[in-house]
Amino acid sequence: LPEPIHLDLVVEDEKIVEAIPSIGFVHRGLEGLVTKKDFNQMTY
């Protein structure tokens, strides 16, 4: 994995029955920065 993602793999022997994803390890609040940066600065 080049980036963090977590999967809970439900397995029977070596066979996968279900995969449950869990994300949120690198949340950075980029969409909230609109309150601090003007619309031109938001480009970057």
PDB file of all heavy atoms in Angstrom:
ATOM      1  N   LEU A   1       0.826  -1.210   0.000  1.00  0.00           N
ATOM      2  CA  LEU A   1       0.000   0.000   0.000  1.00  0.00           C
ATOM      3  C   LEU A   1       0.859   1.259   0.000  1.00  0.00           C
ATOM      4  O   LEU A   1       1.612   1.494   0.943  1.00  0.00           O
ATOM      5  CB  LEU A   1      -0.918   0.021   1.228  1.00  0.00           C
ATOM      6  CG  LEU A   1      -2.025  -1.032   1.288  1.00  0.00           C
ATOM      7  CD1 LEU A   1      -2.726  -0.958   2.634  1.00  0.00           C
ATOM      8  CD2 LEU A   1      -3.022  -0.849   0.156  1.00  0.00           C
ATOM      9  N   PRO A   2       0.755   2.094  -1.045  1.00  0.00           N
ATOM     10  CA  PRO A   2       1.478   3.376  -1.027  1.00  0.00           C
ATOM     11  C   PRO A   2       0.862   4.384  -0.060  1.00  0.00           C
ATOM     12  O   PRO A   2       1.510   5.333   0.349  1.00  0.00           O
ATOM     13  CB  PRO A   2       1.373   3.868  -2.477  1.00  0.00           C
ATOM     14  CG  PRO A   2       0.126   3.214  -2.992  1.00  0.00           C
ATOM     15  CD  PRO A   2       0.009   1.899  -2.293  1.00  0.00           C
ATOM     16  N   GLU A   3      -0.429   4.173   0.285  1.00  0.00           N
ATOM     17  CA  GLU A   3      -1.137   5.062   1.197  1.00  0.00           C
ATOM     18  C   GLU A   3      -1.975   4.217   2.152  1.00  0.00           C
ATOM     19  O   GLU A   3      -2.287   3.066   1.848  1.00  0.00           O
ATOM     20  CB  GLU A   3      -2.048   6.020   0.419  1.00  0.00           C
ATOM     21  CG  GLU A   3      -1.303   6.979  -0.490  1.00  0.00           C
ATOM     22  CD  GLU A   3      -2.271   7.824  -1.294  1.00  0.00           C
ATOM     23  OE1 GLU A   3      -3.046   7.247  -2.076  1.00  0.00           O
ATOM     24  OE2 GLU A   3      -2.258   9.038  -1.125  1.00  0.00           O
ATOM     25  N   PRO A   4      -2.363   4.780   3.301  1.00  0.00           N
ATOM     26  CA  PRO A   4      -3.043   3.949   4.302  1.00  0.00           C
ATOM     27  C   PRO A   4      -4.528   3.732   4.039  1.00  0.00           C
ATOM     28  O   PRO A   4      -5.297   4.670   3.924  1.00  0.00           O
ATOM     29  CB  PRO A   4      -2.838   4.745   5.605  1.00  0.00           C
ATOM     30  CG  PRO A   4      -2.702   6.159   5.162  1.00  0.00           C
ATOM     31  CD  PRO A   4      -2.042   6.119   3.818  1.00  0.00           C
ATOM     32  N   ILE A   5      -4.906   2.480   3.943  1.00  0.00           N
ATOM     33  CA  ILE A   5      -6.312   2.083   3.941  1.00  0.00           C
ATOM     34  C   ILE A   5      -6.403   0.783   4.743  1.00  0.00           C
ATOM     35  O   ILE A   5      -5.498  -0.058   4.682  1.00  0.00           O
ATOM     36  CB  ILE A   5      -6.873   1.887   2.516  1.00  0.00           C
ATOM     37  CG1 ILE A   5      -8.358   1.474   2.585  1.00  0.00           C
ATOM     38  CG2 ILE A   5      -6.059   0.882   1.723  1.00  0.00           C
ATOM     39  CD1 ILE A   5      -9.037   1.397   1.238  1.00  0.00           C
ATOM     40  N   HIS A   6      -7.452   0.635   5.501  1.00  0.00           N
ATOM     41  CA  HIS A   6      -7.611  -0.555   6.336  1.00  0.00           C
ATOM     42  C   HIS A   6      -8.793  -1.365   5.827  1.00  0.00           C
ATOM     43  O   HIS A   6      -9.870  -0.817   5.574  1.00  0.00           O
ATOM     44  CB  HIS A   6      -7.851  -0.156   7.792  1.00  0.00           C
ATOM     45  CG  HIS A   6      -8.075  -1.315   8.701  1.00  0.00           C
ATOM     46  ND1 HIS A   6      -7.047  -2.009   9.289  1.00  0.00           N
ATOM     47  CD2 HIS A   6      -9.220  -1.921   9.116  1.00  0.00           C
ATOM     48  CE1 HIS A   6      -7.543  -2.985  10.021  1.00  0.00           C
ATOM     49  NE2 HIS A   6      -8.866  -2.944   9.940  1.00  0.00           N
ATOM     50  N   LEU A   7      -8.581  -2.667   5.666  1.00  0.00           N
ATOM     51  CA  LEU A   7      -9.648  -3.581   5.288  1.00  0.00           C
ATOM     52  C   LEU A   7      -9.754  -4.685   6.331  1.00  0.00           C
ATOM     53  O   LEU A   7      -8.745  -5.302   6.690  1.00  0.00           O
ATOM     54  CB  LEU A   7      -9.365  -4.210   3.917  1.00  0.00           C
ATOM     55  CG  LEU A   7      -9.282  -3.278   2.704  1.00  0.00           C
ATOM     56  CD1 LEU A   7      -8.751  -4.040   1.495  1.00  0.00           C
ATOM     57  CD2 LEU A   7     -10.640  -2.670   2.381  1.00  0.00           C
ATOM     58  N   ASP A   8     -10.951  -4.907   6.828  1.00  0.00           N
ATOM     59  CA  ASP A   8     -11.202  -6.087   7.652  1.00  0.00           C
ATOM     60  C   ASP A   8     -11.666  -7.194   6.720  1.00  0.00           C
ATOM     61  O   ASP A   8     -12.750  -7.102   6.122  1.00  0.00           O
ATOM     62  CB  ASP A   8     -12.277  -5.803   8.708  1.00  0.00           C
ATOM     63  CG  ASP A   8     -11.728  -5.018   9.878  1.00  0.00           C
ATOM     64  OD1 ASP A   8     -10.561  -5.237  10.242  1.00  0.00           O
ATOM     65  OD2 ASP A   8     -12.463  -4.168  10.423  1.00  0.00           O
ATOM     66  N   LEU A   9     -10.851  -8.227   6.566  1.00  0.00           N
ATOM     67  CA  LEU A   9     -11.134  -9.317   5.645  1.00  0.00           C
ATOM     68  C   LEU A   9     -11.725 -10.497   6.421  1.00  0.00           C
ATOM     69  O   LEU A   9     -11.069 -11.067   7.304  1.00  0.00           O
ATOM     70  CB  LEU A   9      -9.865  -9.751   4.927  1.00  0.00           C
ATOM     71  CG  LEU A   9      -9.119  -8.657   4.152  1.00  0.00           C
ATOM     72  CD1 LEU A   9      -7.813  -9.193   3.601  1.00  0.00           C
ATOM     73  CD2 LEU A   9      -9.991  -8.096   3.034  1.00  0.00           C
ATOM     74  N   VAL A  10     -12.966 -10.833   6.108  1.00  0.00           N
ATOM     75  CA  VAL A  10     -13.605 -12.010   6.696  1.00  0.00           C
ATOM     76  C   VAL A  10     -13.258 -13.198   5.808  1.00  0.00           C
ATOM     77  O   VAL A  10     -13.619 -13.220   4.619  1.00  0.00           O
ATOM     78  CB  VAL A  10     -15.129 -11.830   6.796  1.00  0.00           C
ATOM     79  CG1 VAL A  10     -15.775 -13.044   7.439  1.00  0.00           C
ATOM     80  CG2 VAL A  10     -15.465 -10.557   7.568  1.00  0.00           C
ATOM     81  N   VAL A  11     -12.545 -14.182   6.360  1.00  0.00           N
ATOM     82  CA  VAL A  11     -12.050 -15.295   5.546  1.00  0.00           C
ATOM     83  C   VAL A  11     -12.523 -16.634   6.090  1.00  0.00           C
ATOM     84  O   VAL A  11     -12.753 -16.806   7.288  1.00  0.00           O
ATOM     85  CB  VAL A  11     -10.501 -15.287   5.477  1.00  0.00           C
ATOM     86  CG1 VAL A  11      -9.985 -13.999   4.857  1.00  0.00           C
ATOM     87  CG2 VAL A  11      -9.895 -15.482   6.853  1.00  0.00           C
ATOM     88  N   GLU A  12     -12.697 -17.566   5.149  1.00  0.00           N
ATOM     89  CA  GLU A  12     -12.888 -18.981   5.466  1.00  0.00           C
ATOM     90  C   GLU A  12     -11.688 -19.711   4.874  1.00  0.00           C
ATOM     91  O   GLU A  12     -11.552 -19.783   3.652  1.00  0.00           O
ATOM     92  CB  GLU A  12     -14.182 -19.516   4.862  1.00  0.00           C
ATOM     93  CG  GLU A  12     -15.437 -19.019   5.538  1.00  0.00           C
ATOM     94  CD  GLU A  12     -16.702 -19.621   4.922  1.00  0.00           C
ATOM     95  OE1 GLU A  12     -16.553 -20.483   4.026  1.00  0.00           O
ATOM     96  OE2 GLU A  12     -17.795 -19.221   5.321  1.00  0.00           O
ATOM     97  N   ASP A  13     -10.837 -20.227   5.719  1.00  0.00           N
ATOM     98  CA  ASP A  13      -9.566 -20.799   5.277  1.00  0.00           C
ATOM     99  C   ASP A  13      -8.789 -19.708   4.512  1.00  0.00           C
ATOM    100  O   ASP A  13      -8.451 -18.697   5.078  1.00  0.00           O
ATOM    101  CB  ASP A  13      -9.802 -22.058   4.436  1.00  0.00           C
ATOM    102  CG  ASP A  13     -10.500 -23.136   5.247  1.00  0.00           C
ATOM    103  OD1 ASP A  13     -10.194 -23.252   6.455  1.00  0.00           O
ATOM    104  OD2 ASP A  13     -11.352 -23.844   4.693  1.00  0.00           O
ATOM    105  N   GLU A  14      -8.559 -19.902   3.212  1.00  0.00           N
ATOM    106  CA  GLU A  14      -7.831 -18.897   2.429  1.00  0.00           C
ATOM    107  C   GLU A  14      -8.759 -18.071   1.534  1.00  0.00           C
ATOM    108  O   GLU A  14      -8.298 -17.245   0.746  1.00  0.00           O
ATOM    109  CB  GLU A  14      -6.765 -19.576   1.555  1.00  0.00           C
ATOM    110  CG  GLU A  14      -5.595 -20.168   2.336  1.00  0.00           C
ATOM    111  CD  GLU A  14      -4.687 -19.096   2.912  1.00  0.00           C
ATOM    112  OE1 GLU A  14      -4.342 -18.145   2.202  1.00  0.00           O
ATOM    113  OE2 GLU A  14      -4.329 -19.213   4.100  1.00  0.00           O
ATOM    114  N   LYS A  15     -10.068 -18.298   1.632  1.00  0.00           N
ATOM    115  CA  LYS A  15     -11.034 -17.598   0.789  1.00  0.00           C
ATOM    116  C   LYS A  15     -11.617 -16.403   1.526  1.00  0.00           C
ATOM    117  O   LYS A  15     -11.993 -16.500   2.698  1.00  0.00           O
ATOM    118  CB  LYS A  15     -12.183 -18.537   0.405  1.00  0.00           C
ATOM    119  CG  LYS A  15     -11.838 -19.526  -0.696  1.00  0.00           C
ATOM    120  CD  LYS A  15     -11.844 -18.873  -2.058  1.00  0.00           C
ATOM    121  CE  LYS A  15     -11.666 -19.937  -3.145  1.00  0.00           C
ATOM    122  NZ  LYS A  15     -11.522 -19.315  -4.467  1.00  0.00           N
ATOM    123  N   ILE A  16     -11.703 -15.268   0.821  1.00  0.00           N
ATOM    124  CA  ILE A  16     -12.299 -14.064   1.403  1.00  0.00           C
ATOM    125  C   ILE A  16     -13.811 -14.106   1.196  1.00  0.00           C
ATOM    126  O   ILE A  16     -14.295 -14.299   0.082  1.00  0.00           O
ATOM    127  CB  ILE A  16     -11.710 -12.796   0.767  1.00  0.00           C
ATOM    128  CG1 ILE A  16     -10.214 -12.719   1.065  1.00  0.00           C
ATOM    129  CG2 ILE A  16     -12.409 -11.542   1.283  1.00  0.00           C
ATOM    130  CD1 ILE A  16      -9.492 -11.647   0.301  1.00  0.00           C
ATOM    131  N   VAL A  17     -14.556 -13.925   2.269  1.00  0.00           N
ATOM    132  CA  VAL A  17     -16.016 -13.929   2.213  1.00  0.00           C
ATOM    133  C   VAL A  17     -16.557 -12.507   2.128  1.00  0.00           C
ATOM    134  O   VAL A  17     -17.526 -12.231   1.427  1.00  0.00           O
ATOM    135  CB  VAL A  17     -16.607 -14.638   3.455  1.00  0.00           C
ATOM    136  CG1 VAL A  17     -18.130 -14.620   3.417  1.00  0.00           C
ATOM    137  CG2 VAL A  17     -16.077 -16.055   3.556  1.00  0.00           C
ATOM    138  N   GLU A  18     -15.902 -11.594   2.836  1.00  0.00           N
ATOM    139  CA  GLU A  18     -16.363 -10.204   2.879  1.00  0.00           C
ATOM    140  C   GLU A  18     -15.190  -9.295   3.188  1.00  0.00           C
ATOM    141  O   GLU A  18     -14.240  -9.689   3.866  1.00  0.00           O
ATOM    142  CB  GLU A  18     -17.449 -10.045   3.939  1.00  0.00           C
ATOM    143  CG  GLU A  18     -18.131  -8.681   3.950  1.00  0.00           C
ATOM    144  CD  GLU A  18     -19.213  -8.579   5.007  1.00  0.00           C
ATOM    145  OE1 GLU A  18     -19.321  -9.492   5.845  1.00  0.00           O
ATOM    146  OE2 GLU A  18     -19.944  -7.578   4.996  1.00  0.00           O
ATOM    147  N   ALA A  19     -15.250  -8.066   2.654  1.00  0.00           N
ATOM    148  CA  ALA A  19     -14.232  -7.054   2.943  1.00  0.00           C
ATOM    149  C   ALA A  19     -14.921  -5.780   3.409  1.00  0.00           C
ATOM    150  O   ALA A  19     -15.818  -5.271   2.732  1.00  0.00           O
ATOM    151  CB  ALA A  19     -13.385  -6.774   1.707  1.00  0.00           C
ATOM    152  N   ILE A  20     -14.503  -5.273   4.570  1.00  0.00           N
ATOM    153  CA  ILE A  20     -15.111  -4.073   5.146  1.00  0.00           C
ATOM    154  C   ILE A  20     -14.047  -2.985   5.209  1.00  0.00           C
ATOM    155  O   ILE A  20     -13.056  -3.113   5.940  1.00  0.00           O
ATOM    156  CB  ILE A  20     -15.664  -4.357   6.559  1.00  0.00           C
ATOM    157  CG1 ILE A  20     -16.660  -5.530   6.510  1.00  0.00           C
ATOM    158  CG2 ILE A  20     -16.324  -3.106   7.137  1.00  0.00           C
ATOM    159  CD1 ILE A  20     -16.992  -6.104   7.852  1.00  0.00           C
ATOM    160  N   PRO A  21     -14.211  -1.898   4.426  1.00  0.00           N
ATOM    161  CA  PRO A  21     -13.174  -0.865   4.389  1.00  0.00           C
ATOM    162  C   PRO A  21     -13.281   0.116   5.552  1.00  0.00           C
ATOM    163  O   PRO A  21     -14.371   0.352   6.088  1.00  0.00           O
ATOM    164  CB  PRO A  21     -13.446  -0.159   3.060  1.00  0.00           C
ATOM    165  CG  PRO A  21     -14.927  -0.274   2.886  1.00  0.00           C
ATOM    166  CD  PRO A  21     -15.305  -1.607   3.497  1.00  0.00           C
ATOM    167  N   SER A  22     -12.165   0.688   5.927  1.00  0.00           N
ATOM    168  CA  SER A  22     -12.125   1.738   6.940  1.00  0.00           C
ATOM    169  C   SER A  22     -11.114   2.777   6.486  1.00  0.00           C
ATOM    170  O   SER A  22      -9.939   2.469   6.294  1.00  0.00           O
ATOM    171  CB  SER A  22     -11.716   1.164   8.298  1.00  0.00           C
ATOM    172  OG  SER A  22     -11.596   2.198   9.263  1.00  0.00           O
ATOM    173  N   ILE A  23     -11.580   4.000   6.266  1.00  0.00           N
ATOM    174  CA  ILE A  23     -10.689   5.069   5.815  1.00  0.00           C
ATOM    175  C   ILE A  23     -10.701   6.197   6.841  1.00  0.00           C
ATOM    176  O   ILE A  23     -11.432   6.155   7.817  1.00  0.00           O
ATOM    177  CB  ILE A  23     -11.090   5.594   4.416  1.00  0.00           C
ATOM    178  CG1 ILE A  23     -12.523   6.150   4.432  1.00  0.00           C
ATOM    179  CG2 ILE A  23     -10.957   4.501   3.373  1.00  0.00           C
ATOM    180  CD1 ILE A  23     -12.949   6.769   3.118  1.00  0.00           C
ATOM    181  N   GLY A  24      -9.883   7.201   6.619  1.00  0.00           N
ATOM    182  CA  GLY A  24      -9.854   8.336   7.536  1.00  0.00           C
ATOM    183  C   GLY A  24      -8.527   8.521   8.240  1.00  0.00           C
ATOM    184  O   GLY A  24      -8.432   9.269   9.203  1.00  0.00           O
ATOM    185  N   PHE A  25      -7.479   7.864   7.753  1.00  0.00           N
ATOM    186  CA  PHE A  25      -6.188   7.936   8.426  1.00  0.00           C
ATOM    187  C   PHE A  25      -5.401   9.191   8.066  1.00  0.00           C
ATOM    188  O   PHE A  25      -4.483   9.582   8.785  1.00  0.00           O
ATOM    189  CB  PHE A  25      -5.360   6.689   8.093  1.00  0.00           C
ATOM    190  CG  PHE A  25      -5.953   5.415   8.621  1.00  0.00           C
ATOM    191  CD1 PHE A  25      -6.768   4.633   7.826  1.00  0.00           C
ATOM    192  CD2 PHE A  25      -5.729   5.016   9.931  1.00  0.00           C
ATOM    193  CE1 PHE A  25      -7.339   3.470   8.309  1.00  0.00           C
ATOM    194  CE2 PHE A  25      -6.285   3.858  10.436  1.00  0.00           C
ATOM    195  CZ  PHE A  25      -7.091   3.085   9.623  1.00  0.00           C
ATOM    196  N   VAL A  26      -5.710   9.823   6.935  1.00  0.00           N
ATOM    197  CA  VAL A  26      -4.955  11.012   6.517  1.00  0.00           C
ATOM    198  C   VAL A  26      -5.890  12.183   6.210  1.00  0.00           C
ATOM    199  O   VAL A  26      -5.619  13.002   5.340  1.00  0.00           O
ATOM    200  CB  VAL A  26      -4.054  10.715   5.291  1.00  0.00           C
ATOM    201  CG1 VAL A  26      -2.898   9.830   5.676  1.00  0.00           C
ATOM    202  CG2 VAL A  26      -4.855  10.084   4.153  1.00  0.00           C
ATOM    203  N   HIS A  27      -6.995  12.266   6.936  1.00  0.00           N
ATOM    204  CA  HIS A  27      -7.929  13.378   6.719  1.00  0.00           C
ATOM    205  C   HIS A  27      -7.246  14.703   7.075  1.00  0.00           C
ATOM    206  O   HIS A  27      -6.633  14.827   8.130  1.00  0.00           O
ATOM    207  CB  HIS A  27      -9.182  13.194   7.574  1.00  0.00           C
ATOM    208  CG  HIS A  27     -10.155  14.312   7.427  1.00  0.00           C
ATOM    209  ND1 HIS A  27     -10.813  14.567   6.249  1.00  0.00           N
ATOM    210  CD2 HIS A  27     -10.576  15.249   8.302  1.00  0.00           C
ATOM    211  CE1 HIS A  27     -11.604  15.623   6.415  1.00  0.00           C
ATOM    212  NE2 HIS A  27     -11.480  16.047   7.646  1.00  0.00           N
ATOM    213  N   ARG A  28      -7.351  15.703   6.179  1.00  0.00           N
ATOM    214  CA  ARG A  28      -6.620  16.959   6.354  1.00  0.00           C
ATOM    215  C   ARG A  28      -7.490  18.210   6.362  1.00  0.00           C
ATOM    216  O   ARG A  28      -6.990  19.316   6.473  1.00  0.00           O
ATOM    217  CB  ARG A  28      -5.568  17.094   5.239  1.00  0.00           C
ATOM    218  CG  ARG A  28      -4.469  16.058   5.332  1.00  0.00           C
ATOM    219  CD  ARG A  28      -3.801  15.848   3.988  1.00  0.00           C
ATOM    220  NE  ARG A  28      -4.718  15.192   3.065  1.00  0.00           N
ATOM    221  CZ  ARG A  28      -4.644  15.322   1.740  1.00  0.00           C
ATOM    222  NH1 ARG A  28      -3.730  16.085   1.202  1.00  0.00           N
ATOM    223  NH2 ARG A  28      -5.493  14.687   0.968  1.00  0.00           N
ATOM    224  N   GLY A  29      -8.785  18.046   6.216  1.00  0.00           N
ATOM    225  CA  GLY A  29      -9.686  19.187   6.286  1.00  0.00           C
ATOM    226  C   GLY A  29      -9.523  20.191   5.167  1.00  0.00           C
ATOM    227  O   GLY A  29      -9.740  21.392   5.359  1.00  0.00           O
ATOM    228  N   LEU A  30      -9.171  19.709   3.970  1.00  0.00           N
ATOM    229  CA  LEU A  30      -8.923  20.637   2.852  1.00  0.00           C
ATOM    230  C   LEU A  30     -10.167  21.429   2.477  1.00  0.00           C
ATOM    231  O   LEU A  30     -10.071  22.600   2.105  1.00  0.00           O
ATOM    232  CB  LEU A  30      -8.404  19.859   1.638  1.00  0.00           C
ATOM    233  CG  LEU A  30      -6.989  19.290   1.742  1.00  0.00           C
ATOM    234  CD1 LEU A  30      -6.661  18.446   0.512  1.00  0.00           C
ATOM    235  CD2 LEU A  30      -5.974  20.405   1.885  1.00  0.00           C
ATOM    236  N   GLU A  31     -11.343  20.793   2.568  1.00  0.00           N
ATOM    237  CA  GLU A  31     -12.555  21.486   2.142  1.00  0.00           C
ATOM    238  C   GLU A  31     -12.955  22.589   3.117  1.00  0.00           C
ATOM    239  O   GLU A  31     -13.704  23.497   2.772  1.00  0.00           O
ATOM    240  CB  GLU A  31     -13.689  20.470   1.970  1.00  0.00           C
ATOM    241  CG  GLU A  31     -13.447  19.532   0.796  1.00  0.00           C
ATOM    242  CD  GLU A  31     -14.516  18.476   0.653  1.00  0.00           C
ATOM    243  OE1 GLU A  31     -15.462  18.470   1.464  1.00  0.00           O
ATOM    244  OE2 GLU A  31     -14.400  17.656  -0.269  1.00  0.00           O
ATOM    245  N   GLY A  32     -12.430  22.544   4.343  1.00  0.00           N
ATOM    246  CA  GLY A  32     -12.727  23.585   5.324  1.00  0.00           C
ATOM    247  C   GLY A  32     -11.850  24.811   5.189  1.00  0.00           C
ATOM    248  O   GLY A  32     -12.134  25.851   5.794  1.00  0.00           O
ATOM    249  N   LEU A  33     -10.796  24.716   4.376  1.00  0.00           N
ATOM    250  CA  LEU A  33      -9.874  25.841   4.236  1.00  0.00           C
ATOM    251  C   LEU A  33     -10.455  26.999   3.433  1.00  0.00           C
ATOM    252  O   LEU A  33      -9.825  28.060   3.335  1.00  0.00           O
ATOM    253  CB  LEU A  33      -8.561  25.370   3.591  1.00  0.00           C
ATOM    254  CG  LEU A  33      -7.628  24.587   4.527  1.00  0.00           C
ATOM    255  CD1 LEU A  33      -6.475  23.962   3.742  1.00  0.00           C
ATOM    256  CD2 LEU A  33      -7.075  25.502   5.611  1.00  0.00           C
ATOM    257  N   VAL A  34     -11.652  26.805   2.851  1.00  0.00           N
ATOM    258  CA  VAL A  34     -12.291  27.914   2.127  1.00  0.00           C
ATOM    259  C   VAL A  34     -12.557  29.095   3.049  1.00  0.00           C
ATOM    260  O   VAL A  34     -12.706  30.231   2.602  1.00  0.00           O
ATOM    261  CB  VAL A  34     -13.608  27.461   1.455  1.00  0.00           C
ATOM    262  CG1 VAL A  34     -13.334  26.450   0.359  1.00  0.00           C
ATOM    263  CG2 VAL A  34     -14.592  26.900   2.480  1.00  0.00           C
ATOM    264  N   THR A  35     -12.628  28.856   4.351  1.00  0.00           N
ATOM    265  CA  THR A  35     -12.892  29.942   5.304  1.00  0.00           C
ATOM    266  C   THR A  35     -11.636  30.759   5.594  1.00  0.00           C
ATOM    267  O   THR A  35     -11.724  31.851   6.151  1.00  0.00           O
ATOM    268  CB  THR A  35     -13.433  29.381   6.631  1.00  0.00           C
ATOM    269  OG1 THR A  35     -12.453  28.499   7.207  1.00  0.00           O
ATOM    270  CG2 THR A  35     -14.718  28.606   6.396  1.00  0.00           C
ATOM    271  N   LYS A  36     -10.463  30.232   5.215  1.00  0.00           N
ATOM    272  CA  LYS A  36      -9.205  30.902   5.524  1.00  0.00           C
ATOM    273  C   LYS A  36      -8.466  31.409   4.293  1.00  0.00           C
ATOM    274  O   LYS A  36      -7.634  32.306   4.402  1.00  0.00           O
ATOM    275  CB  LYS A  36      -8.284  29.945   6.296  1.00  0.00           C
ATOM    276  CG  LYS A  36      -8.856  29.490   7.635  1.00  0.00           C
ATOM    277  CD  LYS A  36      -7.907  28.546   8.349  1.00  0.00           C
ATOM    278  CE  LYS A  36      -8.482  28.108   9.691  1.00  0.00           C
ATOM    279  NZ  LYS A  36      -7.574  27.152  10.398  1.00  0.00           N
ATOM    280  N   LYS A  37      -8.736  30.817   3.143  1.00  0.00           N
ATOM    281  CA  LYS A  37      -8.061  31.209   1.906  1.00  0.00           C
ATOM    282  C   LYS A  37      -9.085  31.732   0.909  1.00  0.00           C
ATOM    283  O   LYS A  37     -10.176  31.172   0.784  1.00  0.00           O
ATOM    284  CB  LYS A  37      -7.317  30.010   1.289  1.00  0.00           C
ATOM    285  CG  LYS A  37      -6.342  29.311   2.244  1.00  0.00           C
ATOM    286  CD  LYS A  37      -5.159  30.216   2.591  1.00  0.00           C
ATOM    287  CE  LYS A  37      -4.181  29.482   3.508  1.00  0.00           C
ATOM    288  NZ  LYS A  37      -3.028  30.340   3.890  1.00  0.00           N
ATOM    289  N   ASP A  38      -8.722  32.798   0.166  1.00  0.00           N
ATOM    290  CA  ASP A  38      -9.673  33.313  -0.816  1.00  0.00           C
ATOM    291  C   ASP A  38      -9.731  32.387  -2.035  1.00  0.00           C
ATOM    292  O   ASP A  38      -8.956  31.434  -2.146  1.00  0.00           O
ATOM    293  CB  ASP A  38      -9.338  34.757  -1.205  1.00  0.00           C
ATOM    294  CG  ASP A  38      -8.013  34.895  -1.953  1.00  0.00           C
ATOM    295  OD1 ASP A  38      -7.707  34.048  -2.824  1.00  0.00           O
ATOM    296  OD2 ASP A  38      -7.270  35.856  -1.667  1.00  0.00           O
ATOM    297  N   PHE A  39     -10.642  32.687  -2.970  1.00  0.00           N
ATOM    298  CA  PHE A  39     -10.899  31.738  -4.046  1.00  0.00           C
ATOM    299  C   PHE A  39      -9.707  31.567  -4.979  1.00  0.00           C
ATOM    300  O   PHE A  39      -9.546  30.505  -5.602  1.00  0.00           O
ATOM    301  CB  PHE A  39     -12.170  32.129  -4.830  1.00  0.00           C
ATOM    302  CG  PHE A  39     -12.019  33.322  -5.744  1.00  0.00           C
ATOM    303  CD1 PHE A  39     -11.663  33.159  -7.068  1.00  0.00           C
ATOM    304  CD2 PHE A  39     -12.249  34.616  -5.273  1.00  0.00           C
ATOM    305  CE1 PHE A  39     -11.550  34.251  -7.925  1.00  0.00           C
ATOM    306  CE2 PHE A  39     -12.132  35.707  -6.102  1.00  0.00           C
ATOM    307  CZ  PHE A  39     -11.777  35.534  -7.439  1.00  0.00           C
ATOM    308  N   ASN A  40      -8.840  32.575  -5.097  1.00  0.00           N
ATOM    309  CA  ASN A  40      -7.621  32.414  -5.906  1.00  0.00           C
ATOM    310  C   ASN A  40      -6.588  31.548  -5.178  1.00  0.00           C
ATOM    311  O   ASN A  40      -5.960  30.677  -5.779  1.00  0.00           O
ATOM    312  CB  ASN A  40      -7.024  33.787  -6.232  1.00  0.00           C
ATOM    313  CG  ASN A  40      -7.786  34.503  -7.335  1.00  0.00           C
ATOM    314  OD1 ASN A  40      -8.070  33.913  -8.377  1.00  0.00           O
ATOM    315  ND2 ASN A  40      -8.140  35.757  -7.102  1.00  0.00           N
ATOM    316  N   GLN A  41      -6.415  31.780  -3.891  1.00  0.00           N
ATOM    317  CA  GLN A  41      -5.472  30.974  -3.114  1.00  0.00           C
ATOM    318  C   GLN A  41      -5.908  29.510  -3.048  1.00  0.00           C
ATOM    319  O   GLN A  41      -5.065  28.604  -2.987  1.00  0.00           O
ATOM    320  CB  GLN A  41      -5.344  31.546  -1.691  1.00  0.00           C
ATOM    321  CG  GLN A  41      -4.687  32.912  -1.626  1.00  0.00           C
ATOM    322  CD  GLN A  41      -4.790  33.530  -0.235  1.00  0.00           C
ATOM    323  OE1 GLN A  41      -5.769  33.333   0.477  1.00  0.00           O
ATOM    324  NE2 GLN A  41      -3.766  34.291   0.153  1.00  0.00           N
ATOM    325  N   MET A  42      -7.219  29.279  -3.084  1.00  0.00           N
ATOM    326  CA  MET A  42      -7.731  27.913  -3.000  1.00  0.00           C
ATOM    327  C   MET A  42      -7.289  27.058  -4.185  1.00  0.00           C
ATOM    328  O   MET A  42      -7.268  25.825  -4.093  1.00  0.00           O
ATOM    329  CB  MET A  42      -9.256  27.919  -2.913  1.00  0.00           C
ATOM    330  CG  MET A  42      -9.811  28.100  -1.514  1.00  0.00           C
ATOM    331  SD  MET A  42      -9.265  26.832  -0.341  1.00  0.00           S
ATOM    332  CE  MET A  42      -9.994  25.362  -1.057  1.00  0.00           C
ATOM    333  N   THR A  43      -6.924  27.700  -5.309  1.00  0.00           N
ATOM    334  CA  THR A  43      -6.410  26.946  -6.460  1.00  0.00           C
ATOM    335  C   THR A  43      -5.247  26.065  -6.042  1.00  0.00           C
ATOM    336  O   THR A  43      -5.141  24.897  -6.440  1.00  0.00           O
ATOM    337  CB  THR A  43      -5.967  27.903  -7.577  1.00  0.00           C
ATOM    338  OG1 THR A  43      -7.058  28.757  -7.948  1.00  0.00           O
ATOM    339  CG2 THR A  43      -5.498  27.140  -8.809  1.00  0.00           C
ATOM    340  N   TYR A  44      -4.358  26.611  -5.223  1.00  0.00           N
ATOM    341  CA  TYR A  44      -3.147  25.889  -4.825  1.00  0.00           C
ATOM    342  C   TYR A  44      -3.429  24.918  -3.672  1.00  0.00           C
ATOM    343  O   TYR A  44      -2.733  23.905  -3.527  1.00  0.00           O
ATOM    344  CB  TYR A  44      -2.056  26.893  -4.457  1.00  0.00           C
ATOM    345  CG  TYR A  44      -1.827  27.888  -5.580  1.00  0.00           C
ATOM    346  CD1 TYR A  44      -2.310  29.199  -5.499  1.00  0.00           C
ATOM    347  CD2 TYR A  44      -1.187  27.500  -6.754  1.00  0.00           C
ATOM    348  CE1 TYR A  44      -2.149  30.089  -6.540  1.00  0.00           C
ATOM    349  CE2 TYR A  44      -1.022  28.386  -7.797  1.00  0.00           C
ATOM    350  CZ  TYR A  44      -1.500  29.676  -7.701  1.00  0.00           C
ATOM    351  OH  TYR A  44      -1.348  30.556  -8.749  1.00  0.00           O
TER     352      TYR A  44
END
